[in-house]
Protein backbone atom coordinates (compact mmCIF):
# COMPACT_ATOMS: atom_id res chain seq x y z
CA MET A 1 164.88 122.12 187.60
CA PHE A 2 162.48 119.73 189.34
CA PRO A 3 160.38 122.49 190.98
CA ARG A 4 159.95 124.13 187.58
CA LEU A 5 159.05 120.78 186.03
CA ARG A 6 156.46 120.13 188.71
CA GLN A 7 155.06 123.61 188.24
CA GLY A 8 154.89 123.14 184.47
CA LEU A 9 153.17 119.78 184.84
CA GLY A 10 150.71 121.32 187.27
CA TRP A 11 149.81 124.09 184.83
CA ALA A 12 149.54 121.56 181.98
CA TYR A 13 147.20 119.42 184.05
CA LEU A 14 145.11 122.47 184.95
CA VAL A 15 144.83 123.60 181.31
CA ALA A 16 143.97 120.07 180.17
CA GLY A 17 141.29 119.77 182.84
CA PHE A 18 139.64 123.07 181.97
CA THR A 19 139.86 122.25 178.25
CA PHE A 20 138.17 118.91 178.82
CA ILE A 21 135.39 120.55 180.82
CA PHE A 22 134.73 123.70 178.83
CA LEU A 23 135.60 122.80 175.23
CA PRO A 24 132.25 121.02 174.62
CA VAL A 25 130.44 124.05 176.06
CA VAL A 26 132.39 126.43 173.83
CA ILE A 27 131.51 124.32 170.77
CA LEU A 28 127.87 124.20 171.85
CA VAL A 29 127.66 127.97 172.18
CA LEU A 30 129.68 128.63 169.03
CA PHE A 31 127.46 126.55 166.75
CA SER A 32 124.33 128.09 168.23
CA PHE A 33 125.28 131.15 166.14
CA THR A 34 125.76 129.26 162.89
CA ALA A 35 123.76 130.19 159.83
CA ARG A 36 123.63 126.58 158.64
CA ASP A 37 120.82 124.12 159.33
CA ILE A 38 123.19 121.64 160.98
CA PRO A 39 125.69 122.38 163.78
CA LEU A 40 128.73 121.04 161.94
CA PRO A 41 131.91 122.60 160.54
CA PRO A 42 132.58 124.77 158.69
CA PHE A 43 131.11 127.52 160.82
CA GLU A 44 129.01 130.04 158.90
CA GLY A 45 127.71 133.15 160.56
CA PRO A 46 127.32 134.56 163.07
CA SER A 47 123.52 134.47 163.00
CA LEU A 48 120.85 134.91 165.68
CA GLN A 49 118.15 133.08 163.76
CA TRP A 50 118.14 130.07 166.11
CA TYR A 51 117.73 132.25 169.19
CA GLU A 52 114.91 134.09 167.43
CA ARG A 53 113.30 130.74 166.72
CA ILE A 54 113.43 129.43 170.28
CA PHE A 55 112.19 132.70 171.79
CA GLY A 56 109.49 132.80 169.14
CA ASN A 57 108.36 129.33 170.17
CA ASP A 58 105.58 129.70 172.74
CA ARG A 59 106.13 126.21 174.15
CA MET A 60 109.84 126.91 174.60
CA VAL A 61 109.19 130.21 176.36
CA ASP A 62 106.58 128.59 178.61
CA ALA A 63 109.03 125.79 179.47
CA LEU A 64 111.68 128.39 180.32
CA ALA A 65 109.27 130.27 182.57
CA ASN A 66 108.18 127.01 184.23
CA SER A 67 111.79 126.07 184.98
CA LEU A 68 112.60 129.47 186.49
CA LEU A 69 109.45 129.59 188.61
CA LEU A 70 109.85 126.00 189.75
CA ALA A 71 113.50 126.46 190.69
CA ALA A 72 112.86 129.72 192.55
CA LEU A 73 109.96 128.42 194.67
CA SER A 74 111.22 124.89 195.37
CA SER A 75 114.67 126.20 196.32
CA LEU A 76 113.17 128.79 198.65
CA ILE A 77 111.09 126.17 200.46
CA ALA A 78 113.97 123.68 200.59
CA THR A 79 116.25 126.36 202.06
CA ALA A 80 113.65 127.36 204.66
CA LEU A 81 113.03 123.75 205.70
CA GLY A 82 116.76 123.04 205.76
CA PHE A 83 117.34 126.04 208.00
CA LEU A 84 114.60 125.00 210.43
CA GLY A 85 115.94 121.46 210.61
CA ALA A 86 119.54 122.55 211.06
CA TYR A 87 118.64 125.20 213.64
CA GLY A 88 116.54 122.75 215.63
CA ILE A 89 119.34 120.18 215.77
CA ALA A 90 122.08 122.73 216.49
CA ARG A 91 120.19 124.56 219.25
CA ASN A 92 118.24 121.68 220.81
CA PRO A 93 120.47 118.61 220.71
CA THR A 94 119.04 115.25 221.73
CA ARG A 95 120.32 111.69 221.79
CA PHE A 96 118.37 111.03 218.59
CA ASP A 97 120.25 113.64 216.55
CA GLY A 98 122.12 110.98 214.59
CA VAL A 99 118.87 109.31 213.55
CA ILE A 100 117.31 112.64 212.60
CA ARG A 101 120.33 113.66 210.52
CA TYR A 102 120.32 110.30 208.74
CA ALA A 103 116.61 110.64 207.97
CA ILE A 104 117.10 114.11 206.51
CA MET A 105 120.23 113.16 204.53
CA ALA A 106 118.86 109.81 203.29
CA PRO A 107 117.43 111.15 199.98
CA ILE A 108 120.90 112.26 198.87
CA THR A 109 121.97 108.60 198.75
CA VAL A 110 119.12 107.64 196.41
CA SER A 111 119.26 108.20 192.65
CA TYR A 112 116.93 110.74 191.07
CA LEU A 113 115.31 107.92 189.08
CA ILE A 114 114.27 106.07 192.24
CA VAL A 115 113.04 109.29 193.86
CA GLY A 116 111.02 110.17 190.77
CA MET A 117 109.49 106.71 190.46
CA GLY A 118 108.66 106.62 194.17
CA LEU A 119 106.94 110.00 193.98
CA LEU A 120 105.12 108.95 190.82
CA VAL A 121 103.64 105.89 192.54
CA THR A 122 102.90 107.82 195.73
CA PHE A 123 101.10 110.64 193.93
CA HIS A 124 99.15 108.14 191.85
CA VAL A 125 97.92 106.36 195.01
CA MET A 126 97.00 109.72 196.58
CA GLY A 127 95.17 110.81 193.44
CA ILE A 128 97.54 113.71 192.75
CA PRO A 129 97.97 114.26 188.99
CA LYS A 130 101.24 114.95 187.22
CA SER A 131 102.04 118.66 187.34
CA LEU A 132 104.71 121.22 188.07
CA TRP A 133 103.62 121.12 191.72
CA ALA A 134 104.53 117.44 191.83
CA VAL A 135 107.92 118.24 190.28
CA GLY A 136 108.43 120.96 192.88
CA ALA A 137 107.82 118.43 195.65
CA GLY A 138 110.41 116.13 194.09
CA HIS A 139 112.95 118.94 193.85
CA MET A 140 112.40 119.82 197.48
CA VAL A 141 113.10 116.19 198.41
CA ILE A 142 116.44 116.12 196.60
CA ASN A 143 117.52 119.63 197.60
CA LEU A 144 116.57 119.54 201.28
CA PRO A 145 119.56 117.38 202.36
CA LEU A 146 122.01 119.71 200.59
CA CYS A 147 120.49 122.83 202.10
CA PHE A 148 120.40 121.19 205.53
CA SER A 149 124.07 120.18 205.43
CA ILE A 150 125.28 123.58 204.20
CA ILE A 151 123.31 125.51 206.82
CA LEU A 152 124.17 123.12 209.65
CA ALA A 153 127.87 123.57 208.89
CA GLY A 154 127.47 127.33 209.34
CA LEU A 155 125.73 127.13 212.73
CA GLY A 156 128.76 127.40 215.01
CA GLU A 157 129.22 128.18 218.65
CA HIS A 158 129.86 131.89 217.99
CA GLN A 159 126.29 132.28 216.64
CA ARG A 160 124.96 130.69 219.82
CA ASN A 161 126.96 133.12 221.96
CA ILE A 162 125.57 136.08 220.02
CA GLU A 163 122.03 134.72 220.44
CA ARG A 164 122.61 134.38 224.19
CA ALA A 165 123.76 137.99 224.31
CA ALA A 166 120.58 139.03 222.48
CA HIS A 167 118.48 137.08 224.99
CA ASP A 168 120.34 138.72 227.87
CA LEU A 169 119.43 142.10 226.38
CA GLY A 170 115.75 141.19 226.42
CA ALA A 171 115.15 139.80 222.93
CA SER A 172 112.60 137.01 222.59
CA ASP A 173 113.44 133.77 220.82
CA LEU A 174 111.63 134.85 217.66
CA ARG A 175 113.17 138.32 217.66
CA ALA A 176 116.68 136.92 218.22
CA LEU A 177 116.11 134.46 215.39
CA TRP A 178 114.88 137.13 212.98
CA ARG A 179 117.21 140.00 213.92
CA VAL A 180 120.38 138.11 214.87
CA THR A 181 120.58 134.52 213.67
CA ILE A 182 119.21 134.89 210.14
CA PRO A 183 121.38 137.94 209.26
CA ILE A 184 124.48 136.14 210.53
CA MET A 185 123.56 133.01 208.57
CA ARG A 186 122.86 134.95 205.37
CA PRO A 187 125.94 133.65 203.45
CA SER A 188 125.08 130.02 204.27
CA LEU A 189 121.42 130.54 203.43
CA PHE A 190 122.30 132.21 200.16
CA ALA A 191 124.77 129.49 199.22
CA ALA A 192 122.19 126.80 199.97
CA TYR A 193 119.55 128.61 197.92
CA CYS A 194 121.83 129.10 194.92
CA LEU A 195 122.92 125.47 194.93
CA ALA A 196 119.33 124.26 195.17
CA PHE A 197 118.26 126.66 192.41
CA THR A 198 121.00 125.44 190.08
CA LEU A 199 120.19 121.76 190.67
CA SER A 200 116.46 122.34 190.25
CA TRP A 201 116.92 124.54 187.19
CA ASP A 202 118.50 121.87 185.00
CA GLU A 203 117.07 118.69 186.63
CA PHE A 204 115.54 116.33 184.06
CA ILE A 205 114.61 112.88 185.42
CA ILE A 206 112.09 113.91 188.07
CA ALA A 207 110.66 116.61 185.80
CA PHE A 208 110.26 114.08 182.99
CA LEU A 209 108.46 111.54 185.19
CA LEU A 210 106.12 113.94 186.98
CA THR A 211 104.99 116.32 184.21
CA ARG A 212 102.45 115.84 181.47
CA PHE A 213 101.48 118.99 179.58
CA GLU A 214 103.34 121.75 181.45
CA VAL A 215 106.98 120.79 181.04
CA THR A 216 110.28 122.30 182.12
CA LEU A 217 113.07 123.43 179.80
CA PRO A 218 115.23 120.27 180.24
CA VAL A 219 112.22 118.13 179.22
CA MET A 220 111.67 120.40 176.23
CA LEU A 221 115.32 119.99 175.26
CA PHE A 222 114.91 116.23 175.43
CA GLU A 223 112.01 116.47 172.98
CA LEU A 224 114.20 118.47 170.62
CA LEU A 225 117.07 116.03 171.04
CA ARG A 226 114.88 113.13 169.95
CA GLY A 227 114.59 114.82 166.56
CA GLY A 228 118.38 114.94 166.15
CA SER A 229 121.04 117.55 166.74
CA SER A 230 120.24 121.03 165.45
CA PRO A 231 121.41 124.62 165.95
CA GLU A 232 118.09 125.29 167.67
CA LEU A 233 119.02 122.71 170.29
CA ASN A 234 122.43 124.35 170.65
CA ALA A 235 120.78 127.71 171.20
CA ALA A 236 118.44 126.33 173.85
CA GLY A 237 121.35 124.58 175.57
CA SER A 238 123.33 127.82 175.50
CA VAL A 239 120.46 129.61 177.24
CA VAL A 240 120.47 126.97 179.99
CA PHE A 241 124.24 127.30 180.40
CA CYS A 242 124.18 131.11 180.47
CA ILE A 243 121.46 131.22 183.13
CA SER A 244 123.30 128.66 185.27
CA MET A 245 126.55 130.61 184.99
CA SER A 246 124.74 133.87 185.73
CA ILE A 247 123.39 132.40 188.95
CA VAL A 248 126.86 131.27 189.97
CA MET A 249 128.42 134.63 189.13
CA ILE A 250 125.75 136.56 191.03
CA ALA A 251 126.27 134.29 194.03
CA VAL A 252 130.04 134.82 193.91
CA LEU A 253 129.74 138.60 193.53
CA LEU A 254 127.23 138.96 196.37
CA THR A 255 129.27 136.69 198.62
CA LEU A 256 132.55 138.47 197.98
CA ARG A 257 131.11 141.97 198.02
CA ARG A 258 132.46 143.99 200.89
CA LYS A 259 130.41 146.48 202.75
CA PRO A 260 131.63 150.06 202.30
CA GLY A 261 133.46 151.51 205.21
CA PRO A 262 132.00 154.26 207.38
């Protein structure tokens, strides 16, 4: 009796947790298809008019493109820098490794608001105007510690042994890195890139502080939200959610995909 009760309570807790997490998202997506001018019951539709409106809005499309481009480039650079830092520490240990790790991981302990304000002041002193490039620098700052920690965790002793074997066979350091280490580390690199992309894709605070005319999609959603809730806002939020989930699903499928046998 008690094992079944515990199992039932476990399933109830699981269902309640998923309901709490996903019910608001389901409501958001559902009322993005309403035919009414306000996203409130009763539901009328389905209608695609709000999606037609956001994709017919040039500013909205530009903000979407800015977010995708910014996330792709900043995540790529953050992953590359994280790999170089992790590889250097893992393969060339020194007595200052603890200090170096702390310096790299320090931004993760600071709120995005402080990071954004610090970059805003710094760029102003340096004469760098607000732009998507400034936002990209901010996203690299907040994503580098995550990429570094993920990649460092994947650099184990077995990779070092394989690299030594490659060196014994005549491979140079650069060739062993490119032909051996990076292919082995591909799952960790891909996981770090996907996580950085997801965080950069829907980041708002830094993007809001460091942009002026060219804005990202989260900043555009904030402008819509200031005018009150609307089905158009629901549709834009649904696009953000679908792209985020698509990234996660692609990452899971590519990670779990097995190579075909000979």
